[in-house]
């Protein structure tokens, strides 16, 4: 079992392998689940990265649901379901929690943010989100309204692809906000593709792929490598990506 780290709210997640019916079935066939034994969390920020289909969002969702958050987003006080789309994985994991319980917890996922905003309006909770309907703002503005007004210190947050709403400049601003909450003893578990957000220094990064789950450095992530390669050799990479296949006819077809 993992050791309790200072200021942690959530210490680790353990797959209850004795209960898994088959690793050929979804979601157990996903690399994020198939190779999971015990995954420890950084007391401030833990990142989950990997290609689409590796299961990082499925794993994050299961952790959030098992902690008590609503599957489509929100806190423990949200209980809405637009569509039953979450997996059964939460029933096959065990969370190792710290004695330092968070004051609050919240699950924010890009995929169902619209549904969350609709529920906020339905229950009349706009005041907790800055006093204005999230639907009356752009996606990025609504995200910042939520983070600025609904997040607090000494809390636990699960974020699934937060960069979906944010321009590069706003991602930098989010890094600053993230740091502020971490300094106030909040803890984050984040699934992301953003090399900007991934750069947060006081964190652990777990790479999920077909070979398993491994903790890596920022420079070892594909997000960093591909972005750096593109920015430093843009013309060469574009030339390769847009090169015509040999033998491909590029002339216009003859008129009949």
Protein backbone atom coordinates (compact mmCIF):
# COMPACT_ATOMS: atom_id res chain seq x y z
CA UNK A 1 0.00 0.00 0.00
CA UNK A 2 1.18 3.50 -0.80
CA UNK A 3 2.47 5.76 1.93
CA UNK A 4 0.37 8.78 2.84
CA UNK A 5 2.09 11.86 1.44
CA UNK A 6 1.83 15.23 3.23
CA UNK A 7 -1.27 17.21 2.25
CA UNK A 8 -2.72 14.36 0.17
CA UNK A 9 -6.48 13.88 0.12
CA UNK A 10 -6.36 10.90 -2.21
CA UNK A 11 -3.37 8.57 -1.86
CA UNK A 12 -3.88 5.92 -4.54
CA UNK A 13 -6.31 3.83 -6.58
CA UNK A 14 -6.20 0.02 -6.58
CA UNK A 15 -7.78 -2.29 -9.14
CA UNK A 16 -9.69 -5.10 -7.44
CA UNK A 17 -8.37 -7.75 -9.80
CA UNK A 18 -10.14 -10.59 -8.02
CA UNK A 19 -13.47 -9.11 -9.15
CA UNK A 20 -12.60 -8.51 -12.83
CA UNK A 21 -14.72 -10.87 -14.98
CA UNK A 22 -12.52 -10.74 -18.11
CA UNK A 23 -9.75 -8.59 -19.50
CA UNK A 24 -11.26 -9.06 -22.96
CA UNK A 25 -14.34 -7.02 -22.02
CA UNK A 26 -14.73 -3.24 -21.82
CA UNK A 27 -13.49 -1.41 -19.79
CA UNK A 28 -11.01 -4.02 -18.54
CA UNK A 29 -9.45 -4.41 -22.00
CA UNK A 30 -8.23 -0.80 -21.92
CA UNK A 31 -4.51 -0.38 -21.18
CA UNK A 32 -5.32 2.01 -18.31
CA UNK A 33 -7.22 -0.82 -16.62
CA UNK A 34 -5.51 -3.98 -17.85
CA UNK A 35 -2.15 -2.88 -16.43
CA UNK A 36 -3.44 -1.16 -13.31
CA UNK A 37 -2.39 -2.50 -9.93
CA UNK A 38 -1.98 0.49 -7.63
CA UNK A 39 -1.53 4.02 -8.91
CA UNK A 40 -0.24 6.58 -6.42
CA UNK A 41 -1.26 10.23 -6.58
CA UNK A 42 0.95 13.27 -6.14
CA UNK A 43 -0.27 15.43 -3.23
CA UNK A 44 -0.69 18.36 -5.62
CA UNK A 45 -1.13 17.36 -9.28
CA UNK A 46 -1.23 14.00 -11.03
CA UNK A 47 -1.47 13.91 -14.84
CA UNK A 48 -2.78 11.01 -16.93
CA UNK A 49 -1.60 11.11 -20.56
CA UNK A 50 -1.85 8.77 -23.52
CA UNK A 51 -3.28 8.32 -26.98
CA UNK A 52 -7.02 8.30 -27.57
CA UNK A 53 -8.44 4.95 -26.56
CA UNK A 54 -5.93 4.11 -23.84
CA UNK A 55 -8.58 4.63 -21.17
CA UNK A 56 -7.28 7.63 -19.24
CA UNK A 57 -10.69 9.36 -19.25
CA UNK A 58 -12.45 6.11 -18.31
CA UNK A 59 -10.08 5.65 -15.37
CA UNK A 60 -10.42 9.27 -14.25
CA UNK A 61 -14.21 9.04 -14.44
CA UNK A 62 -14.23 5.86 -12.34
CA UNK A 63 -12.03 7.47 -9.68
CA UNK A 64 -14.25 10.56 -9.54
CA UNK A 65 -17.46 8.51 -9.34
CA UNK A 66 -16.05 6.21 -6.66
CA UNK A 67 -15.11 9.31 -4.66
CA UNK A 68 -18.74 10.40 -4.86
CA UNK A 69 -18.83 12.88 -7.73
CA UNK A 70 -21.49 12.81 -10.43
CA UNK A 71 -20.48 10.87 -13.57
CA UNK A 72 -21.32 13.73 -15.95
CA UNK A 73 -19.62 16.32 -13.81
CA UNK A 74 -20.19 18.29 -10.66
CA UNK A 75 -19.79 17.68 -6.96
CA UNK A 76 -21.31 15.16 -4.59
CA UNK A 77 -24.44 17.35 -4.55
CA UNK A 78 -25.10 16.86 -8.28
CA UNK A 79 -27.28 13.91 -9.21
CA UNK A 80 -28.27 14.25 -12.86
CA UNK A 81 -27.89 11.92 -15.80
CA UNK A 82 -28.40 13.01 -19.39
CA UNK A 83 -27.28 9.67 -20.79
CA UNK A 84 -26.01 6.55 -19.03
CA UNK A 85 -22.60 6.57 -20.69
CA UNK A 86 -20.13 5.95 -17.85
CA UNK A 87 -18.53 2.56 -17.40
CA UNK A 88 -18.86 0.12 -14.51
CA UNK A 89 -15.19 0.52 -13.57
CA UNK A 90 -15.91 2.41 -10.34
CA UNK A 91 -17.27 -0.85 -8.89
CA UNK A 92 -13.94 -2.59 -9.48
CA UNK A 93 -11.54 -0.10 -7.90
CA UNK A 94 -10.67 0.83 -4.34
CA UNK A 95 -9.53 4.29 -3.33
CA UNK A 96 -6.91 4.71 -0.62
CA UNK A 97 -7.87 7.95 1.09
CA UNK A 98 -5.90 10.14 3.42
CA UNK A 99 -7.05 11.04 6.94
CA UNK A 100 -6.97 14.62 5.59
CA UNK A 101 -10.39 14.70 3.97
CA UNK A 102 -11.04 17.48 1.43
CA UNK A 103 -13.53 20.24 2.14
CA UNK A 104 -14.98 19.73 -1.33
CA UNK A 105 -14.59 17.61 -4.46
CA UNK A 106 -15.58 18.24 -8.07
CA UNK A 107 -15.45 16.43 -11.41
CA UNK A 108 -15.12 18.55 -14.55
CA UNK A 109 -15.14 16.85 -17.95
CA UNK A 110 -15.03 18.61 -21.30
CA UNK A 111 -17.30 16.02 -22.95
CA UNK A 112 -20.32 16.78 -20.75
CA UNK A 113 -19.67 20.40 -19.75
CA UNK A 114 -22.82 21.51 -21.61
CA UNK A 115 -24.92 19.09 -19.56
CA UNK A 116 -23.34 20.39 -16.36
CA UNK A 117 -24.11 24.00 -17.31
CA UNK A 118 -27.73 23.03 -18.01
CA UNK A 119 -28.03 21.40 -14.59
CA UNK A 120 -26.56 24.48 -12.89
CA UNK A 121 -29.32 26.56 -14.51
CA UNK A 122 -32.02 24.00 -13.66
CA UNK A 123 -31.23 24.00 -9.94
CA UNK A 124 -30.66 27.76 -9.85
CA UNK A 125 -27.04 27.52 -8.69
CA UNK A 126 -25.67 30.33 -10.89
CA UNK A 127 -24.61 32.33 -7.83
CA UNK A 128 -21.96 29.70 -7.00
CA UNK A 129 -20.55 30.09 -10.51
CA UNK A 130 -20.19 33.86 -10.64
CA UNK A 131 -23.86 34.88 -10.79
CA UNK A 132 -24.31 34.38 -14.54
CA UNK A 133 -25.52 31.39 -16.53
CA UNK A 134 -22.63 29.35 -17.91
CA UNK A 135 -24.64 29.02 -21.13
CA UNK A 136 -24.51 32.80 -21.63
CA UNK A 137 -20.73 32.73 -21.86
CA UNK A 138 -18.23 31.27 -24.30
CA UNK A 139 -16.86 27.84 -23.50
CA UNK A 140 -13.61 29.32 -22.21
CA UNK A 141 -15.33 32.05 -20.19
CA UNK A 142 -17.68 29.49 -18.61
CA UNK A 143 -14.76 27.25 -17.69
CA UNK A 144 -12.95 30.14 -16.00
CA UNK A 145 -16.14 31.22 -14.22
CA UNK A 146 -16.43 27.72 -12.77
CA UNK A 147 -12.78 27.45 -11.73
CA UNK A 148 -12.61 30.96 -10.26
CA UNK A 149 -15.89 30.79 -8.34
CA UNK A 150 -16.59 27.14 -7.60
CA UNK A 151 -13.08 25.86 -6.75
CA UNK A 152 -11.59 26.37 -3.29
CA UNK A 153 -8.57 25.46 -1.20
CA UNK A 154 -8.21 22.15 0.68
CA UNK A 155 -10.30 20.36 -1.95
CA UNK A 156 -9.98 17.55 -4.50
CA UNK A 157 -10.59 18.09 -8.21
CA UNK A 158 -10.80 15.72 -11.17
CA UNK A 159 -10.41 17.39 -14.58
CA UNK A 160 -10.83 15.63 -17.91
CA UNK A 161 -9.22 17.51 -20.83
CA UNK A 162 -9.67 21.05 -19.43
CA UNK A 163 -7.71 22.44 -22.40
CA UNK A 164 -10.72 21.75 -24.67
CA UNK A 165 -12.18 25.10 -23.62
CA UNK A 166 -8.99 27.12 -23.51
CA UNK A 167 -6.79 29.04 -25.92
CA UNK A 168 -3.02 28.75 -25.34
CA UNK A 169 -3.08 32.09 -23.49
CA UNK A 170 -5.91 30.88 -21.26
CA UNK A 171 -4.05 27.62 -20.61
CA UNK A 172 -1.18 29.69 -19.24
CA UNK A 173 -3.64 31.58 -17.05
CA UNK A 174 -5.07 28.26 -15.89
CA UNK A 175 -1.58 27.15 -14.82
CA UNK A 176 -1.37 30.17 -12.55
CA UNK A 177 -4.80 29.42 -11.05
CA UNK A 178 -3.86 25.76 -10.61
CA UNK A 179 -0.77 26.79 -8.68
CA UNK A 180 -2.82 29.07 -6.47
CA UNK A 181 -5.19 26.28 -5.47
CA UNK A 182 -2.32 23.85 -4.90
CA UNK A 183 -0.69 26.36 -2.55
CA UNK A 184 -3.95 26.27 -0.59
CA UNK A 185 -3.71 22.47 -0.19
CA UNK A 186 -5.96 21.43 -3.05
CA UNK A 187 -5.17 18.28 -5.03
CA UNK A 188 -5.81 17.65 -8.74
CA UNK A 189 -5.99 14.58 -10.97
CA UNK A 190 -5.99 15.69 -14.61
CA UNK A 191 -6.28 13.83 -17.91
CA UNK A 192 -4.89 16.07 -20.64
CA UNK A 193 -3.30 16.34 -24.09
CA UNK A 194 -1.97 19.87 -23.49
CA UNK A 195 1.83 20.27 -23.36
CA UNK A 196 1.24 23.65 -21.70
CA UNK A 197 -0.83 22.33 -18.81
CA UNK A 198 1.45 19.29 -18.50
CA UNK A 199 4.34 21.62 -17.75
CA UNK A 200 3.13 22.26 -14.19
CA UNK A 201 6.30 21.39 -12.23
CA UNK A 202 5.00 20.07 -8.90
CA UNK A 203 3.37 16.98 -10.36
CA UNK A 204 3.64 13.37 -11.47
CA UNK A 205 2.90 12.33 -15.05
CA UNK A 206 1.67 8.81 -15.83
CA UNK A 207 1.85 7.65 -19.43
CA UNK A 208 -0.73 5.06 -20.44
CA UNK A 209 -0.12 2.96 -23.54
CA UNK A 210 -0.35 -0.62 -24.83
CA UNK A 211 2.70 -1.60 -22.80
CA UNK A 212 1.34 -0.45 -19.48
CA UNK A 213 1.37 2.51 -17.08
CA UNK A 214 4.62 4.26 -16.33
CA UNK A 215 5.61 7.47 -14.59
CA UNK A 216 7.56 9.69 -16.95
CA UNK A 217 9.16 13.11 -17.05
CA UNK A 218 7.66 16.01 -18.97
CA UNK A 219 10.34 15.69 -21.65
CA UNK A 220 9.51 11.99 -22.14
CA UNK A 221 5.88 12.65 -23.10
CA UNK A 222 4.81 12.51 -26.75
CA UNK A 223 3.02 15.80 -26.15
CA UNK A 224 6.33 17.54 -25.52
CA UNK A 225 8.30 15.68 -28.19
CA UNK A 226 5.79 16.16 -31.00
CA UNK A 227 5.08 19.80 -30.16
CA UNK A 228 8.77 20.66 -29.95
CA UNK A 229 9.53 18.83 -33.20
CA UNK A 230 6.73 20.63 -35.01
CA UNK A 231 7.66 24.08 -33.73
CA UNK A 232 11.38 23.70 -34.41
CA UNK A 233 11.03 21.93 -37.78
CA UNK A 234 7.63 23.12 -38.95
CA UNK A 235 8.38 23.39 -42.67
CA UNK A 236 10.06 19.97 -42.81
CA UNK A 237 7.23 18.26 -40.94
CA UNK A 238 4.58 19.93 -43.09
CA UNK A 239 6.46 18.85 -46.19
CA UNK A 240 6.44 15.25 -44.98
CA UNK A 241 2.82 15.31 -43.84
CA UNK A 242 1.54 16.85 -47.07
CA UNK A 243 3.74 14.97 -49.51
CA UNK A 244 1.82 13.22 -52.31
CA UNK A 245 2.04 9.44 -52.36
CA UNK A 246 4.27 8.15 -55.13
CA UNK A 247 2.29 7.49 -58.29
CA UNK A 248 -0.71 9.53 -57.15
CA UNK A 249 -2.32 11.39 -60.03
CA UNK A 250 -2.80 15.05 -59.18
CA UNK A 251 -4.17 16.24 -62.52
CA UNK A 252 -7.86 16.92 -62.97
CA UNK A 253 -9.91 14.05 -64.40
CA UNK A 254 -10.77 14.17 -68.07
CA UNK A 255 -14.26 15.28 -68.98
CA UNK A 256 -16.41 12.61 -70.58
